[in-house]
Amino acid sequence: MGIWQYIKCLGRGGAVIATMRDVARLAGVSVSTVSHVVNNSRAVSDESRQLVLQAMEELGYRPNTLAQSLRRQKTNTIGMIVPDSANPFFAEVARAIEDTSFAKNYSVILCNSEGNLEKQRAYTNVLIDNLVAGILFVAAGVSTELVEDLRQRRVPLVVVDREVPGVEVDTVMTHHAQGGRLATQHLIDLGHRRIACIAGNSEVSPSAERVTGYQDALSANDLPIDDNLLLKGDFRYESGYQATRQLLCLNSPPTAIFACNDLMAVGCISAATELGVRIPDQLSVVGFDNVRLASFTNPPLTTIAQPIFEIGALATKMLLERIDDLKAPARFKILDTDLCVRYSSGPVPND
């Protein structure tokens, strides 16, 4: 079928999918020549290549990527599994991964495990069944068995923002304990002595390490570690809100709160405002992540900045390298955090 016949069909509302044979007929070359141009599998003369490319453009021909993927047993698609796609930190990491992947001609499938280990395993199987080239993985809870299983199955894998103990696997994360120390030391330098901490899920390494940094800073400054000032959250807004209401109802409430992520810190600010506690005049709040939302809270949030774009870009680069070489030694990259001071933290209030 020639180009004018295609146009007539389309004019009648028909949906026509051009084939290599159609491209070859219009270009006046063999089907094998079209295949070599599409797959870049053999040298073709410049004249023939131009004829094929022109015919492809006129016919709107697109290579059958599914068939190509089945032949190669992989696609130009990578999978990403996160525990909470509504969390702006993971959304911003995913954006960095998508931008970096797109520049390398890869697309991204995003899966939300909702922190559920069974759903996490189900999604890994779905991604493998769909022939993804590799997986970027933010573990939900203790996932050592799953990661080891993927490694044994020779699935290219990079673990992001988590440490999976006992498994040699490519990993990109930030120095969470360092960030916890920076946040707490900042509050101590402002004169605070009763500093509370709202932790995240204790089953994931970032939360535990941020709490360790908080406690290390207290100990280094000869301040007591008060269990009443350490509450467990779940990295969501609501848990920061509820924990802050509980802390502010203590007989001796804290003058400062370190929330182990920005979402919980936003919950802190909301609860304090609702109770008539002024920030930072009566209560200082520090978060962790430095998501874009942190600049637009009222007041703008002091927080520990993770290099979010660098995390996503580096993880993608490492995964593409792993796809090319499954036998290379595993790499463990730890990126530094930084203190970003805004207006939610201030000097300890006068008695």
Protein backbone atom coordinates (compact mmCIF):
# COMPACT_ATOMS: atom_id res chain seq x y z
CA MET A 1 0.00 0.00 0.00
CA GLY A 2 1.48 3.37 -1.02
CA ILE A 3 1.38 6.69 0.80
CA TRP A 4 -1.70 8.03 -1.03
CA GLN A 5 -3.65 4.87 -0.25
CA TYR A 6 -2.70 5.33 3.43
CA ILE A 7 -3.91 8.92 3.36
CA LYS A 8 -7.22 7.87 1.79
CA CYS A 9 -7.73 5.22 4.50
CA LEU A 10 -6.97 7.69 7.25
CA GLY A 11 -9.38 10.19 5.65
CA ARG A 12 -12.14 7.58 5.98
CA GLY A 13 -11.33 7.19 9.66
CA GLY A 14 -9.40 3.94 9.23
CA ALA A 15 -6.48 3.22 11.58
CA VAL A 16 -3.53 1.96 9.54
CA ILE A 17 -0.29 0.69 11.05
CA ALA A 18 2.61 0.81 8.61
CA THR A 19 4.92 -2.20 8.38
CA MET A 20 8.52 -2.64 7.28
CA ARG A 21 7.21 -4.06 4.02
CA ASP A 22 5.23 -0.86 3.39
CA VAL A 23 8.30 1.27 4.14
CA ALA A 24 10.42 -0.88 1.79
CA ARG A 25 7.85 -0.59 -1.01
CA LEU A 26 7.62 3.20 -0.72
CA ALA A 27 11.40 3.63 -0.43
CA GLY A 28 12.11 1.22 -3.29
CA VAL A 29 14.46 -0.93 -1.21
CA SER A 30 14.38 -4.42 0.29
CA VAL A 31 12.74 -5.25 3.62
CA SER A 32 16.16 -6.33 4.94
CA THR A 33 17.54 -2.86 4.16
CA VAL A 34 14.71 -1.28 6.17
CA SER A 35 15.47 -3.70 9.03
CA HIS A 36 19.15 -2.76 9.00
CA VAL A 37 18.27 0.94 9.16
CA VAL A 38 15.73 0.47 11.98
CA ASN A 39 17.95 -1.82 14.06
CA ASN A 40 21.29 -0.29 13.03
CA SER A 41 22.46 -3.86 12.48
CA ARG A 42 24.46 -3.43 9.26
CA ALA A 43 25.98 -0.63 7.20
CA VAL A 44 23.58 0.89 4.67
CA SER A 45 24.46 3.48 2.02
CA ASP A 46 23.58 7.06 2.84
CA GLU A 47 21.23 7.22 -0.15
CA SER A 48 19.27 4.12 0.90
CA ARG A 49 19.19 5.25 4.53
CA GLN A 50 17.71 8.62 3.54
CA LEU A 51 15.08 6.93 1.36
CA VAL A 52 14.09 4.64 4.24
CA LEU A 53 13.98 7.47 6.80
CA GLN A 54 11.87 9.60 4.46
CA ALA A 55 9.44 6.72 3.86
CA MET A 56 9.21 6.04 7.61
CA GLU A 57 8.35 9.68 8.23
CA GLU A 58 5.75 9.81 5.45
CA LEU A 59 4.06 6.62 6.62
CA GLY A 60 4.36 7.41 10.31
CA TYR A 61 6.15 4.11 10.79
CA ARG A 62 7.20 3.17 14.32
CA PRO A 63 9.32 0.09 15.06
CA ASN A 64 7.56 -2.72 16.91
CA THR A 65 9.31 -2.30 20.25
CA LEU A 66 7.48 -5.24 21.78
CA ALA A 67 8.80 -7.61 19.14
CA GLN A 68 12.29 -6.15 19.51
CA SER A 69 12.10 -6.56 23.29
CA LEU A 70 11.02 -10.19 23.01
CA ARG A 71 13.95 -10.93 20.73
CA ARG A 72 16.42 -9.20 23.07
CA GLN A 73 14.64 -10.39 26.26
CA LYS A 74 14.73 -6.87 27.67
CA THR A 75 13.23 -3.44 27.03
CA ASN A 76 14.44 0.13 27.23
CA THR A 77 12.34 0.46 30.37
CA ILE A 78 13.42 0.49 33.98
CA GLY A 79 11.19 -0.09 37.00
CA MET A 80 11.13 1.92 40.20
CA ILE A 81 9.47 0.68 43.40
CA VAL A 82 8.82 3.19 46.21
CA PRO A 83 7.02 2.72 49.55
CA ASP A 84 4.87 5.87 49.26
CA SER A 85 4.42 7.69 45.96
CA ALA A 86 2.45 10.43 47.79
CA ASN A 87 5.56 11.37 49.78
CA PRO A 88 7.09 14.39 47.98
CA PHE A 89 10.63 13.13 48.64
CA PHE A 90 10.02 9.99 46.58
CA ALA A 91 8.13 11.99 43.98
CA GLU A 92 11.11 14.32 43.53
CA VAL A 93 13.58 11.41 43.40
CA ALA A 94 11.35 9.75 40.79
CA ARG A 95 11.35 12.96 38.74
CA ALA A 96 15.16 13.02 38.76
CA ILE A 97 15.23 9.36 37.71
CA GLU A 98 12.74 9.99 34.91
CA ASP A 99 14.67 13.00 33.61
CA THR A 100 17.98 11.12 33.65
CA SER A 101 16.47 7.98 32.10
CA PHE A 102 14.72 9.91 29.32
CA ALA A 103 18.02 11.52 28.33
CA LYS A 104 19.42 7.97 27.90
CA ASN A 105 16.39 6.77 25.88
CA TYR A 106 14.88 4.79 28.76
CA SER A 107 11.37 5.08 30.14
CA VAL A 108 10.33 4.47 33.76
CA ILE A 109 7.53 2.43 35.32
CA LEU A 110 6.74 3.65 38.85
CA CYS A 111 5.25 1.18 41.36
CA ASN A 112 3.93 2.13 44.82
CA SER A 113 4.33 -0.67 47.38
CA GLU A 114 2.53 1.31 50.14
CA GLY A 115 5.13 -0.09 52.54
CA ASN A 116 3.63 -3.57 52.05
CA LEU A 117 6.19 -6.37 51.67
CA GLU A 118 3.81 -8.65 49.75
CA LYS A 119 2.85 -5.90 47.33
CA GLN A 120 6.54 -5.06 46.92
CA ARG A 121 7.34 -8.64 45.90
CA ALA A 122 4.34 -8.76 43.56
CA TYR A 123 5.52 -5.60 41.80
CA THR A 124 9.05 -6.95 41.34
CA ASN A 125 7.57 -10.00 39.62
CA VAL A 126 5.37 -7.81 37.41
CA LEU A 127 8.39 -5.73 36.37
CA ILE A 128 10.48 -8.81 35.61
CA ASP A 129 7.62 -10.37 33.62
CA ASN A 130 7.46 -7.17 31.57
CA LEU A 131 11.17 -7.50 30.72
CA VAL A 132 12.37 -4.31 32.40
CA ALA A 133 16.08 -3.75 31.90
CA GLY A 134 16.61 -3.15 35.62
CA ILE A 135 14.99 -2.02 38.86
CA LEU A 136 15.54 0.97 41.16
CA PHE A 137 14.35 -0.15 44.55
CA VAL A 138 13.37 1.75 47.71
CA ALA A 139 12.78 -1.06 50.19
CA ALA A 140 9.70 -1.25 52.40
CA GLY A 141 10.84 -2.61 55.76
CA VAL A 142 13.32 -5.47 55.98
CA SER A 143 13.78 -6.67 52.39
CA THR A 144 17.05 -8.60 52.57
CA GLU A 145 15.51 -11.84 51.28
CA LEU A 146 13.88 -10.15 48.28
CA VAL A 147 17.01 -8.21 47.31
CA GLU A 148 19.13 -11.36 47.57
CA ASP A 149 16.59 -13.22 45.43
CA LEU A 150 16.74 -10.53 42.73
CA ARG A 151 20.53 -10.59 42.81
CA GLN A 152 20.54 -14.39 42.44
CA ARG A 153 18.17 -14.06 39.47
CA ARG A 154 20.67 -11.65 37.90
CA VAL A 155 18.23 -8.76 37.79
CA PRO A 156 20.13 -5.46 37.45
CA LEU A 157 19.28 -3.63 40.67
CA VAL A 158 20.15 -0.47 42.58
CA VAL A 159 18.84 0.09 46.11
CA VAL A 160 17.97 3.74 46.79
CA ASP A 161 17.78 5.54 50.16
CA ARG A 162 18.09 2.31 52.12
CA GLU A 163 20.79 -0.01 53.38
CA VAL A 164 20.13 -3.73 52.92
CA PRO A 165 22.46 -5.50 55.38
CA GLY A 166 24.16 -8.72 54.37
CA VAL A 167 23.70 -8.31 50.60
CA GLU A 168 26.30 -7.04 48.13
CA VAL A 169 24.17 -4.74 45.99
CA ASP A 170 24.60 -1.33 44.36
CA THR A 171 23.30 1.28 46.79
CA VAL A 172 22.80 5.07 46.78
CA MET A 173 21.86 6.81 50.02
CA THR A 174 22.62 9.87 52.09
CA HIS A 175 24.43 10.11 55.41
CA HIS A 176 21.27 10.05 57.55
CA ALA A 177 23.07 9.99 60.91
CA GLN A 178 25.07 13.03 59.85
CA GLY A 179 21.81 14.83 59.06
CA GLY A 180 20.33 13.90 62.44
CA ARG A 181 23.39 15.34 64.17
CA LEU A 182 23.27 18.54 62.11
CA ALA A 183 19.59 19.13 62.92
CA THR A 184 20.02 18.53 66.64
CA GLN A 185 23.25 20.48 66.93
CA HIS A 186 21.60 23.44 65.20
CA LEU A 187 18.89 23.46 67.89
CA ILE A 188 21.45 23.04 70.68
CA ASP A 189 23.43 25.99 69.29
CA LEU A 190 20.24 28.06 69.51
CA GLY A 191 20.12 27.30 73.24
CA HIS A 192 17.54 24.51 73.28
CA ARG A 193 17.96 21.77 75.86
CA ARG A 194 14.61 19.95 75.74
CA ILE A 195 14.65 18.75 72.14
CA ALA A 196 12.11 16.16 71.03
CA CYS A 197 12.46 13.82 68.06
CA ILE A 198 9.64 12.35 65.98
CA ALA A 199 11.05 9.25 64.29
CA GLY A 200 9.81 7.43 61.21
CA ASN A 201 9.38 3.72 60.56
CA SER A 202 12.01 2.00 62.71
CA GLU A 203 12.24 -0.93 60.25
CA VAL A 204 13.96 1.18 57.59
CA SER A 205 17.54 2.33 57.98
CA PRO A 206 17.09 6.10 57.33
CA SER A 207 14.80 6.52 60.33
CA ALA A 208 17.01 4.58 62.72
CA GLU A 209 20.12 6.43 61.56
CA ARG A 210 18.52 9.86 61.90
CA VAL A 211 17.52 9.02 65.47
CA THR A 212 21.08 7.82 66.13
CA GLY A 213 22.38 11.19 64.93
CA TYR A 214 19.91 12.99 67.20
CA GLN A 215 21.02 10.96 70.22
CA ASP A 216 24.72 11.33 69.36
CA ALA A 217 24.38 15.12 69.30
CA LEU A 218 22.62 15.15 72.69
CA SER A 219 25.32 12.93 74.21
CA ALA A 220 28.13 14.99 72.69
CA ASN A 221 26.69 18.06 74.44
CA ASP A 222 26.11 16.29 77.79
CA LEU A 223 22.34 16.46 77.40
CA PRO A 224 20.16 13.62 78.69
CA ILE A 225 18.30 11.30 76.32
CA ASP A 226 14.72 11.46 77.52
CA ASP A 227 12.53 8.63 76.20
CA ASN A 228 9.45 10.82 76.71
CA LEU A 229 10.78 13.14 74.02
CA LEU A 230 11.30 10.40 71.41
CA LEU A 231 8.04 9.45 69.67
CA LYS A 232 7.47 7.14 66.73
CA GLY A 233 5.80 8.40 63.56
CA ASP A 234 5.43 6.93 60.10
CA PHE A 235 6.86 9.68 57.85
CA ARG A 236 3.34 10.97 57.11
CA TYR A 237 1.85 14.36 57.94
CA GLU A 238 -0.74 12.96 60.37
CA SER A 239 1.83 11.26 62.61
CA GLY A 240 3.79 14.48 62.99
CA TYR A 241 0.59 16.28 63.89
CA GLN A 242 -0.48 13.72 66.51
CA ALA A 243 3.00 13.39 68.04
CA THR A 244 3.32 17.17 68.41
CA ARG A 245 -0.02 17.44 70.21
CA GLN A 246 1.19 14.70 72.58
CA LEU A 247 4.56 16.41 73.17
CA LEU A 248 3.05 19.82 73.83
CA CYS A 249 0.73 18.32 76.47
CA LEU A 250 3.67 17.09 78.60
CA ASN A 251 4.16 18.71 82.01
CA SER A 252 7.53 19.89 80.72
CA PRO A 253 7.09 20.21 76.94
CA PRO A 254 10.02 20.52 74.52
CA THR A 255 11.13 23.88 73.20
CA ALA A 256 12.21 22.30 69.91
CA ILE A 257 11.25 19.33 67.74
CA PHE A 258 13.37 17.49 65.19
CA ALA A 259 10.99 15.68 62.85
CA CYS A 260 12.68 12.96 60.80
CA ASN A 261 11.14 14.13 57.54
CA ASP A 262 9.54 17.27 56.15
CA LEU A 263 6.01 15.86 55.98
CA MET A 264 5.99 15.15 59.71
CA ALA A 265 7.52 18.59 60.32
CA VAL A 266 4.59 20.16 58.44
CA GLY A 267 2.31 18.21 60.76
CA CYS A 268 4.25 19.64 63.73
CA ILE A 269 3.71 23.20 62.53
CA SER A 270 0.00 22.58 61.95
CA ALA A 271 -0.53 21.09 65.43
CA ALA A 272 1.44 23.83 67.17
CA THR A 273 -0.46 26.56 65.33
CA GLU A 274 -3.76 24.92 66.22
CA LEU A 275 -2.75 24.91 69.91
CA GLY A 276 -1.73 28.57 69.78
CA VAL A 277 2.01 27.85 70.06
CA ARG A 278 4.00 30.34 67.99
CA ILE A 279 6.81 29.11 65.73
CA PRO A 280 9.66 29.79 66.25
CA ASP A 281 9.01 32.14 69.20
CA GLN A 282 7.74 29.35 71.47
CA LEU A 283 8.68 26.20 69.56
CA SER A 284 11.38 25.53 66.98
CA VAL A 285 10.86 22.85 64.32
CA VAL A 286 13.43 21.23 62.03
CA GLY A 287 12.61 18.71 59.31
CA PHE A 288 14.59 16.41 57.04
CA ASP A 289 14.67 16.10 53.20
CA ASN A 290 14.28 19.68 51.92
CA VAL A 291 11.45 18.90 49.52
CA ARG A 292 10.08 21.86 47.58
CA LEU A 293 7.14 22.12 49.97
CA ALA A 294 9.55 23.09 52.78
CA SER A 295 10.05 26.56 51.29
CA PHE A 296 6.31 27.28 51.33
CA THR A 297 5.25 26.33 54.86
CA ASN A 298 4.31 29.07 57.30
CA PRO A 299 6.92 29.82 58.48
CA PRO A 300 9.31 28.33 55.90
CA LEU A 301 10.85 25.16 57.29
CA THR A 302 14.40 24.77 58.54
CA THR A 303 15.44 21.32 57.36
CA ILE A 304 18.22 18.93 56.51
CA ALA A 305 18.76 18.99 52.77
CA GLN A 306 19.28 15.74 50.93
CA PRO A 307 20.75 16.08 47.41
CA ILE A 308 17.53 14.76 45.90
CA PHE A 309 18.29 15.22 42.20
CA GLU A 310 21.79 13.81 42.65
CA ILE A 311 20.35 10.73 44.39
CA GLY A 312 18.05 10.00 41.45
CA ALA A 313 20.59 10.82 38.76
CA LEU A 314 23.38 8.79 40.37
CA ALA A 315 21.10 5.80 41.00
CA THR A 316 20.02 5.82 37.35
CA LYS A 317 23.60 6.08 36.11
CA MET A 318 24.64 3.17 38.33
CA LEU A 319 21.70 1.06 37.13
CA LEU A 320 22.51 1.63 33.46
CA GLU A 321 26.12 0.67 34.17
CA ARG A 322 24.92 -2.45 36.00
CA ILE A 323 22.72 -3.38 33.03
CA ASP A 324 25.85 -3.32 30.86
CA ASP A 325 27.98 -5.28 33.35
CA LEU A 326 26.35 -7.64 35.82
CA LYS A 327 29.70 -8.98 37.06
CA ALA A 328 31.25 -5.71 38.27
CA PRO A 329 31.73 -5.34 42.06
CA ALA A 330 28.83 -3.80 43.97
CA ARG A 331 29.16 -0.09 44.79
CA PHE A 332 27.97 1.75 47.91
CA LYS A 333 27.58 5.52 47.52
CA ILE A 334 26.84 7.76 50.53
CA LEU A 335 26.06 11.42 49.83
CA ASP A 336 26.39 14.21 52.38
CA THR A 337 23.52 16.19 53.86
CA ASP A 338 23.44 19.91 54.62
CA LEU A 339 21.59 22.19 57.02
CA CYS A 340 19.15 24.59 55.34
CA VAL A 341 18.18 27.30 57.85
CA ARG A 342 14.88 29.10 57.28
CA TYR A 343 12.41 30.59 59.76
CA SER A 344 10.92 27.68 61.71
CA SER A 345 13.87 27.54 64.12
CA GLY A 346 15.01 30.25 66.52
CA PRO A 347 16.56 30.87 69.94
CA VAL A 348 15.16 29.12 72.98
CA PRO A 349 12.28 31.17 74.43
CA ASN A 350 12.97 33.13 77.59
CA ASP A 351 11.32 31.78 80.74
